[in-house]
N, C-alpha and C. Protein backbone atom coordinates (compact mmCIF):
# COMPACT_ATOMS: atom_id res chain seq x y z
N MET A 1 0.81 -1.20 0.00
CA MET A 1 0.00 0.00 0.00
C MET A 1 0.86 1.26 0.00
N LEU A 2 2.03 1.19 0.55
CA LEU A 2 2.89 2.37 0.63
C LEU A 2 3.34 2.82 -0.77
N ALA A 3 3.34 1.90 -1.72
CA ALA A 3 3.76 2.26 -3.08
C ALA A 3 2.73 3.16 -3.77
N LEU A 4 1.46 3.11 -3.35
CA LEU A 4 0.43 3.96 -3.98
C LEU A 4 0.70 5.45 -3.80
N PRO A 5 0.91 5.94 -2.57
CA PRO A 5 1.22 7.38 -2.47
C PRO A 5 2.55 7.75 -3.12
N ILE A 6 3.50 6.83 -3.11
CA ILE A 6 4.78 7.10 -3.78
C ILE A 6 4.53 7.30 -5.27
N ALA A 7 3.77 6.39 -5.86
CA ALA A 7 3.45 6.50 -7.29
C ALA A 7 2.66 7.78 -7.58
N SER A 8 1.70 8.07 -6.73
CA SER A 8 0.88 9.27 -6.93
C SER A 8 1.71 10.55 -6.90
N ILE A 9 2.58 10.66 -5.92
CA ILE A 9 3.41 11.87 -5.80
C ILE A 9 4.39 11.96 -6.96
N ALA A 10 5.06 10.85 -7.28
CA ALA A 10 6.03 10.87 -8.37
C ALA A 10 5.37 11.21 -9.69
N TRP A 11 4.20 10.64 -9.96
CA TRP A 11 3.49 10.92 -11.21
C TRP A 11 3.04 12.37 -11.26
N THR A 12 2.47 12.84 -10.18
CA THR A 12 1.97 14.22 -10.15
C THR A 12 3.07 15.22 -10.41
N VAL A 13 4.19 15.06 -9.77
CA VAL A 13 5.29 16.02 -9.94
C VAL A 13 5.87 15.94 -11.35
N THR A 14 5.97 14.74 -11.92
CA THR A 14 6.66 14.58 -13.20
C THR A 14 5.75 14.64 -14.42
N HIS A 15 4.42 14.64 -14.23
CA HIS A 15 3.54 14.61 -15.40
C HIS A 15 2.38 15.60 -15.39
N GLU A 16 1.87 15.93 -14.25
CA GLU A 16 0.62 16.69 -14.21
C GLU A 16 0.83 18.19 -14.41
N GLU A 17 -0.23 18.81 -14.86
CA GLU A 17 -0.21 20.23 -15.23
C GLU A 17 0.13 21.15 -14.06
N VAL A 18 -0.25 20.78 -12.87
CA VAL A 18 -0.03 21.64 -11.71
C VAL A 18 1.46 21.93 -11.47
N PHE A 19 2.33 21.02 -11.88
CA PHE A 19 3.77 21.22 -11.72
C PHE A 19 4.47 21.46 -13.06
N ARG A 20 3.73 21.87 -14.09
CA ARG A 20 4.32 22.03 -15.42
C ARG A 20 5.44 23.05 -15.44
N GLU A 21 5.21 24.24 -14.89
CA GLU A 21 6.23 25.30 -14.95
C GLU A 21 7.51 24.92 -14.21
N PRO A 22 7.42 24.45 -12.96
CA PRO A 22 8.68 24.04 -12.30
C PRO A 22 9.36 22.88 -13.03
N ARG A 23 8.57 21.95 -13.59
CA ARG A 23 9.15 20.82 -14.30
C ARG A 23 9.85 21.29 -15.57
N GLU A 24 9.24 22.23 -16.30
CA GLU A 24 9.89 22.76 -17.50
C GLU A 24 11.17 23.51 -17.14
N TRP A 25 11.15 24.24 -16.04
CA TRP A 25 12.34 24.94 -15.60
C TRP A 25 13.44 23.94 -15.25
N CYS A 26 13.07 22.87 -14.54
CA CYS A 26 14.05 21.83 -14.19
C CYS A 26 14.57 21.13 -15.44
N ALA A 27 13.69 20.89 -16.41
CA ALA A 27 14.12 20.25 -17.65
C ALA A 27 15.13 21.13 -18.38
N ALA A 28 14.87 22.43 -18.42
CA ALA A 28 15.81 23.34 -19.07
C ALA A 28 17.14 23.36 -18.32
N ARG A 29 17.08 23.39 -17.01
CA ARG A 29 18.32 23.39 -16.21
C ARG A 29 19.07 22.07 -16.36
N SER A 30 18.33 20.97 -16.56
CA SER A 30 19.01 19.67 -16.70
C SER A 30 19.78 19.59 -18.02
N HIS A 31 19.47 20.47 -18.96
CA HIS A 31 20.20 20.51 -20.23
C HIS A 31 21.28 21.59 -20.24
N ASP A 32 21.02 22.69 -19.51
CA ASP A 32 21.88 23.87 -19.62
C ASP A 32 22.94 24.01 -18.53
N CYS A 33 22.79 23.31 -17.43
CA CYS A 33 23.75 23.48 -16.33
C CYS A 33 25.14 23.05 -16.76
N ARG A 34 26.09 23.74 -16.21
CA ARG A 34 27.48 23.48 -16.55
C ARG A 34 28.02 22.22 -15.87
N PHE A 35 27.54 21.96 -14.67
CA PHE A 35 28.05 20.85 -13.88
C PHE A 35 27.15 19.62 -14.00
N LEU A 36 27.77 18.48 -14.15
CA LEU A 36 27.05 17.21 -14.31
C LEU A 36 26.13 16.94 -13.12
N ALA A 37 26.61 17.17 -11.92
CA ALA A 37 25.81 16.90 -10.72
C ALA A 37 24.53 17.74 -10.72
N LEU A 38 24.63 18.99 -11.12
CA LEU A 38 23.43 19.85 -11.18
C LEU A 38 22.49 19.39 -12.29
N ARG A 39 23.02 19.00 -13.44
CA ARG A 39 22.17 18.49 -14.52
C ARG A 39 21.39 17.27 -14.05
N LYS A 40 22.06 16.36 -13.36
CA LYS A 40 21.40 15.15 -12.84
C LYS A 40 20.38 15.49 -11.76
N PHE A 41 20.71 16.44 -10.90
CA PHE A 41 19.78 16.86 -9.85
C PHE A 41 18.48 17.38 -10.46
N PHE A 42 18.58 18.26 -11.44
CA PHE A 42 17.37 18.83 -12.04
C PHE A 42 16.62 17.81 -12.88
N TYR A 43 17.32 16.85 -13.44
CA TYR A 43 16.67 15.79 -14.22
C TYR A 43 15.75 14.94 -13.33
N LEU A 44 16.10 14.80 -12.07
CA LEU A 44 15.29 13.99 -11.15
C LEU A 44 13.83 14.42 -11.11
N PHE A 45 13.57 15.70 -11.33
CA PHE A 45 12.21 16.22 -11.25
C PHE A 45 11.44 16.08 -12.56
N THR A 46 12.06 15.48 -13.55
CA THR A 46 11.38 15.29 -14.84
C THR A 46 11.15 13.82 -15.16
N CYS A 47 11.73 12.92 -14.39
CA CYS A 47 11.66 11.48 -14.65
C CYS A 47 10.93 10.80 -13.49
N GLU A 48 9.80 10.16 -13.78
CA GLU A 48 9.04 9.54 -12.70
C GLU A 48 9.81 8.40 -12.02
N TYR A 49 10.60 7.67 -12.78
CA TYR A 49 11.37 6.58 -12.19
C TYR A 49 12.42 7.14 -11.22
N CYS A 50 13.15 8.13 -11.67
CA CYS A 50 14.19 8.72 -10.83
C CYS A 50 13.59 9.38 -9.58
N PHE A 51 12.53 10.13 -9.80
CA PHE A 51 11.92 10.86 -8.69
C PHE A 51 11.31 9.90 -7.68
N SER A 52 10.80 8.76 -8.15
CA SER A 52 10.18 7.80 -7.22
C SER A 52 11.19 7.26 -6.21
N HIS A 53 12.47 7.20 -6.56
CA HIS A 53 13.49 6.78 -5.59
C HIS A 53 13.56 7.76 -4.43
N TRP A 54 13.52 9.05 -4.73
CA TRP A 54 13.62 10.05 -3.68
C TRP A 54 12.34 10.11 -2.85
N VAL A 55 11.20 9.95 -3.48
CA VAL A 55 9.94 9.91 -2.74
C VAL A 55 9.93 8.69 -1.83
N THR A 56 10.41 7.56 -2.33
CA THR A 56 10.50 6.35 -1.53
C THR A 56 11.42 6.55 -0.34
N ALA A 57 12.57 7.16 -0.57
CA ALA A 57 13.50 7.42 0.54
C ALA A 57 12.83 8.28 1.62
N PHE A 58 12.09 9.29 1.19
CA PHE A 58 11.36 10.14 2.14
C PHE A 58 10.36 9.31 2.94
N PHE A 59 9.58 8.48 2.26
CA PHE A 59 8.58 7.66 2.95
C PHE A 59 9.23 6.64 3.88
N LEU A 60 10.37 6.11 3.51
CA LEU A 60 11.06 5.16 4.38
C LEU A 60 11.54 5.85 5.66
N VAL A 61 12.01 7.07 5.54
CA VAL A 61 12.46 7.82 6.72
C VAL A 61 11.26 8.14 7.61
N VAL A 62 10.17 8.58 7.02
CA VAL A 62 8.99 8.97 7.79
C VAL A 62 8.31 7.77 8.45
N THR A 63 8.14 6.68 7.69
CA THR A 63 7.40 5.53 8.21
C THR A 63 8.26 4.49 8.90
N ARG A 64 9.57 4.52 8.65
CA ARG A 64 10.51 3.52 9.18
C ARG A 64 10.12 2.10 8.74
N PHE A 65 9.60 2.01 7.52
CA PHE A 65 9.17 0.73 6.97
C PHE A 65 10.38 -0.10 6.52
N THR A 66 10.41 -1.36 6.95
CA THR A 66 11.44 -2.29 6.50
C THR A 66 10.75 -3.51 5.92
N LEU A 67 11.48 -4.26 5.11
CA LEU A 67 10.92 -5.44 4.48
C LEU A 67 11.90 -6.60 4.63
N LEU A 68 11.43 -7.69 5.19
CA LEU A 68 12.17 -8.95 5.38
C LEU A 68 13.24 -8.90 6.46
N TYR A 69 13.99 -7.83 6.54
CA TYR A 69 15.09 -7.73 7.49
C TYR A 69 14.92 -6.50 8.36
N SER A 70 15.52 -6.53 9.52
CA SER A 70 15.54 -5.31 10.32
C SER A 70 16.83 -4.55 10.00
N GLY A 71 16.82 -3.28 10.32
CA GLY A 71 18.02 -2.48 10.08
C GLY A 71 18.14 -2.02 8.64
N TRP A 72 19.38 -1.69 8.26
CA TRP A 72 19.63 -1.09 6.95
C TRP A 72 19.28 -2.02 5.80
N ARG A 73 19.43 -3.35 6.01
CA ARG A 73 19.09 -4.30 4.93
C ARG A 73 17.59 -4.27 4.65
N GLY A 74 16.78 -4.15 5.69
CA GLY A 74 15.33 -4.06 5.51
C GLY A 74 14.92 -2.79 4.78
N TYR A 75 15.60 -1.68 5.08
CA TYR A 75 15.34 -0.43 4.37
C TYR A 75 15.73 -0.55 2.90
N LEU A 76 16.85 -1.17 2.65
CA LEU A 76 17.32 -1.34 1.27
C LEU A 76 16.35 -2.20 0.45
N VAL A 77 15.95 -3.32 1.00
CA VAL A 77 15.00 -4.19 0.30
C VAL A 77 13.66 -3.48 0.12
N ALA A 78 13.19 -2.83 1.17
CA ALA A 78 11.92 -2.10 1.09
C ALA A 78 11.99 -0.99 0.06
N GLY A 79 13.10 -0.29 0.02
CA GLY A 79 13.24 0.81 -0.94
C GLY A 79 13.12 0.34 -2.37
N PHE A 80 13.87 -0.68 -2.73
CA PHE A 80 13.80 -1.16 -4.11
C PHE A 80 12.45 -1.81 -4.43
N ALA A 81 11.87 -2.49 -3.45
CA ALA A 81 10.55 -3.10 -3.68
C ALA A 81 9.49 -2.02 -3.88
N LEU A 82 9.52 -0.98 -3.06
CA LEU A 82 8.53 0.09 -3.19
C LEU A 82 8.69 0.84 -4.51
N VAL A 83 9.92 1.11 -4.92
CA VAL A 83 10.16 1.78 -6.20
C VAL A 83 9.62 0.92 -7.33
N TRP A 84 9.87 -0.37 -7.27
CA TRP A 84 9.43 -1.27 -8.33
C TRP A 84 7.91 -1.30 -8.42
N ILE A 85 7.23 -1.48 -7.29
CA ILE A 85 5.77 -1.52 -7.28
C ILE A 85 5.19 -0.17 -7.69
N ALA A 86 5.75 0.91 -7.20
CA ALA A 86 5.26 2.25 -7.57
C ALA A 86 5.38 2.47 -9.07
N ASN A 87 6.45 2.00 -9.67
CA ASN A 87 6.62 2.18 -11.11
C ASN A 87 5.69 1.27 -11.91
N ILE A 88 5.34 0.12 -11.37
CA ILE A 88 4.30 -0.71 -12.01
C ILE A 88 2.97 0.04 -12.00
N TYR A 89 2.63 0.63 -10.86
CA TYR A 89 1.40 1.42 -10.78
C TYR A 89 1.42 2.57 -11.78
N MET A 90 2.54 3.27 -11.87
CA MET A 90 2.63 4.39 -12.80
C MET A 90 2.54 3.92 -14.25
N SER A 91 3.09 2.76 -14.56
CA SER A 91 2.98 2.21 -15.92
C SER A 91 1.54 1.88 -16.26
N PHE A 92 0.83 1.26 -15.31
CA PHE A 92 -0.59 0.96 -15.53
C PHE A 92 -1.38 2.25 -15.73
N PHE A 93 -1.11 3.24 -14.89
CA PHE A 93 -1.82 4.50 -14.99
C PHE A 93 -1.52 5.21 -16.31
N GLY A 94 -0.26 5.20 -16.71
CA GLY A 94 0.11 5.82 -17.99
C GLY A 94 -0.58 5.12 -19.15
N ARG A 95 -0.64 3.79 -19.11
CA ARG A 95 -1.32 3.03 -20.17
C ARG A 95 -2.81 3.33 -20.18
N LEU A 96 -3.41 3.42 -19.00
CA LEU A 96 -4.83 3.75 -18.90
C LEU A 96 -5.10 5.12 -19.49
N ARG A 97 -4.26 6.10 -19.17
CA ARG A 97 -4.43 7.45 -19.72
C ARG A 97 -4.28 7.45 -21.23
N LEU A 98 -3.35 6.66 -21.75
CA LEU A 98 -3.17 6.55 -23.18
C LEU A 98 -4.41 5.97 -23.85
N ASP A 99 -4.97 4.91 -23.26
CA ASP A 99 -6.19 4.31 -23.80
C ASP A 99 -7.35 5.30 -23.78
N ILE A 100 -7.48 6.05 -22.70
CA ILE A 100 -8.55 7.05 -22.61
C ILE A 100 -8.36 8.13 -23.66
N ARG A 101 -7.12 8.58 -23.86
CA ARG A 101 -6.84 9.60 -24.86
C ARG A 101 -7.18 9.10 -26.26
N GLU A 102 -6.83 7.83 -26.55
CA GLU A 102 -7.16 7.24 -27.85
C GLU A 102 -8.66 7.15 -28.05
N GLU A 103 -9.40 6.74 -27.02
CA GLU A 103 -10.85 6.66 -27.11
C GLU A 103 -11.46 8.04 -27.36
N ARG A 104 -10.96 9.05 -26.67
CA ARG A 104 -11.47 10.41 -26.87
C ARG A 104 -11.20 10.89 -28.30
N ALA A 105 -10.03 10.56 -28.82
CA ALA A 105 -9.71 10.96 -30.20
C ALA A 105 -10.64 10.24 -31.18
N GLU A 106 -10.89 8.96 -30.96
CA GLU A 106 -11.80 8.22 -31.84
C GLU A 106 -13.21 8.80 -31.77
N ILE A 107 -13.66 9.15 -30.58
CA ILE A 107 -14.99 9.74 -30.42
C ILE A 107 -15.06 11.09 -31.13
N ALA A 108 -14.01 11.89 -31.02
CA ALA A 108 -13.99 13.20 -31.69
C ALA A 108 -14.06 13.03 -33.20
N VAL A 109 -13.34 12.05 -33.75
CA VAL A 109 -13.39 11.80 -35.18
C VAL A 109 -14.79 11.37 -35.60
N LYS A 110 -15.39 10.48 -34.84
CA LYS A 110 -16.75 10.01 -35.16
C LYS A 110 -17.76 11.14 -35.07
N GLU A 111 -17.60 12.02 -34.08
CA GLU A 111 -18.51 13.16 -33.95
C GLU A 111 -18.37 14.10 -35.14
N LYS A 112 -17.13 14.36 -35.58
CA LYS A 112 -16.92 15.22 -36.75
C LYS A 112 -17.50 14.59 -38.01
N GLU A 113 -17.32 13.28 -38.15
CA GLU A 113 -17.90 12.59 -39.30
C GLU A 113 -19.42 12.67 -39.26
N ALA A 114 -20.01 12.51 -38.08
CA ALA A 114 -21.46 12.61 -37.95
C ALA A 114 -21.95 14.02 -38.28
N GLU A 115 -21.20 15.04 -37.81
CA GLU A 115 -21.56 16.43 -38.13
C GLU A 115 -21.47 16.68 -39.63
N ALA A 116 -20.40 16.20 -40.25
CA ALA A 116 -20.24 16.39 -41.69
C ALA A 116 -21.35 15.69 -42.46
N LYS A 117 -21.72 14.50 -42.03
CA LYS A 117 -22.81 13.76 -42.67
C LYS A 117 -24.13 14.50 -42.49
N GLN A 118 -24.35 15.05 -41.30
CA GLN A 118 -25.58 15.80 -41.03
C GLN A 118 -25.66 17.04 -41.93
N ILE A 119 -24.54 17.73 -42.08
CA ILE A 119 -24.51 18.92 -42.95
C ILE A 119 -24.78 18.51 -44.39
N THR A 120 -24.17 17.44 -44.85
CA THR A 120 -24.38 16.94 -46.20
C THR A 120 -25.83 16.55 -46.40
N ASP A 121 -26.41 15.87 -45.43
CA ASP A 121 -27.82 15.48 -45.52
C ASP A 121 -28.73 16.70 -45.56
N ASP A 122 -28.42 17.72 -44.74
CA ASP A 122 -29.23 18.94 -44.72
C ASP A 122 -29.16 19.65 -46.07
N VAL A 123 -27.97 19.73 -46.65
CA VAL A 123 -27.81 20.37 -47.96
C VAL A 123 -28.60 19.60 -49.01
N ALA A 124 -28.52 18.29 -48.97
CA ALA A 124 -29.25 17.46 -49.94
C ALA A 124 -30.75 17.64 -49.78
N LYS A 125 -31.23 17.72 -48.55
CA LYS A 125 -32.67 17.92 -48.31
C LYS A 125 -33.12 19.27 -48.85
N ARG A 126 -32.33 20.30 -48.60
CA ARG A 126 -32.68 21.64 -49.09
C ARG A 126 -32.70 21.67 -50.62
N ALA A 127 -31.73 21.02 -51.24
CA ALA A 127 -31.71 20.97 -52.71
C ALA A 127 -32.92 20.23 -53.24
N HIS A 128 -33.28 19.15 -52.57
CA HIS A 128 -34.45 18.38 -52.99
C HIS A 128 -35.72 19.19 -52.83
N LEU A 129 -35.83 19.95 -51.74
CA LEU A 129 -37.02 20.79 -51.52
C LEU A 129 -37.08 21.91 -52.55
N ARG A 130 -35.97 22.47 -52.94
CA ARG A 130 -35.94 23.51 -53.96
C ARG A 130 -36.43 22.99 -55.30
N LYS A 131 -36.07 21.74 -55.59
CA LYS A 131 -36.52 21.14 -56.84
C LYS A 131 -38.02 20.93 -56.85
N LEU A 132 -38.58 20.63 -55.69
CA LEU A 132 -40.02 20.39 -55.59
C LEU A 132 -40.80 21.70 -55.72
N VAL A 133 -40.22 22.77 -55.28
CA VAL A 133 -40.92 24.07 -55.29
C VAL A 133 -40.79 24.73 -56.60
């Protein structure tokens, strides 16, 4: 369950509109910075996989969650497991959003085709009525 908020936070920061401006600024800095360490630091805020590691580290510190082992080994195992599960969730969510976007595009095309057909039918009806009059 801990992977769900990790995935949600990582996805929101790296994909959603609410963080678009800071993300674009970080993306620009990740290309323009002179130092490699700074480029990598700013890149973290543009990649959901990379950012999920830091969100996971934060959650591990806050919750003190360990997996299988106590101590640092439990934190290490828990960290990689949580990152892996969170990224599976983000992959499913990304695929779901892609499917929804494709369906919306198909619906928009069908609606335009229906509108064009309706206009064509209306023009044909008017021409037919003119011939009758």
